[in-house]
């Protein structure tokens, strides 16, 4: 069984692993394996050359084409189009490895074992990383154990928080992020009834890639109508689309911006929330705080900490101890580092949280 890693852990493992060790990442389709791998190595200053091996019919795209050397009269391989001209290290990203044809896998075996392709050695410091989709009905090739033994194998199991933080950084529509935060089972496909009148589901289920399409679709939609919901059902399935419509149509829905920018106008609504709703609000606020541009604008720098302090004081005064403890605990999550920095800039917020923690330890 492969070791399971979330997004932060996988990024650290990619950085820590020596260049001469091969890495294979498995996971469901649509969870962001490829994007995380590319983003991580690009940030390290390495060029990433990717190949969708499942779509490759000829190994020539990977290893280059054979021709006759006029000097020696021997057959040699021309360098492929992607080969680094300046002998700089490169990351070869072999996506969909478990969909590759046998002749492609043979070239990969030489690459994984010797760091060579058609007799040419990769530049020193180059890396070989593969990704496979597990549990997919379209898997064509069972990977040879001898090939697998040449890779460090990890299963990518990103959390809902991973995706929410990523989505916030990508400026995805906040309504979609709020919905997933409140209904996390819909991110990767909830088991719900599919007999809703007027829709045809065709076994379409949500995945993280599909929710990105929904968020970008909704960027120009102010008020979700029935036709919009049908369009979204084609992206994530009927059940998720209808759940999103119902969530957005719910009365009294509070967002982080309403609380942290307009506390006085909305504090009465906050005081009517049940514990589970306060917990959801905590998580949405931390994600919202984490996504704020730094440094804060002058007005925000005064208003947001003041309103956050008022909210926390309300939790303490109303004896919502579980909600206050939840906020304090989540604030220590490394995914919310910028939210933590904002709170650390307020002596009053830190004092309130520290005093509260002191009373329960």
Foldseek 3Di string as FASTA:
>chain_A
DAAEDALVRVLVCVVPDAQLAEAEEEEAPQACPVVSVCVSVVVVVAAEDEDAQLPDPDCCQVQAAWDADPVVRDIAGDHHPPADPVLDAHEYEYEQVQNHDPVNVVQVQCCLPPCDGRRHHRRPSHHYYYYHYPPDPNRDHDDDVVSVVSHRYYYYDHDLLVLLLVCLQVVFALLLSLLCLLVVCQACFDDDDQPDPPADFVPAAHYNNLSSVLRVVCPPPDQDDPVNLRVSCVRHHNVSSVSSNVVVPDPLDDALCCQQQPVVVCVVSVVPDDLVVLLSRLVRNLSVQLSADPPDDPVSLPRRLVSVLVVLVVCVVVVVLVSNVSNLVVLPPPSSVSSVVSQVVDPSSVVSSVVSVVVVD
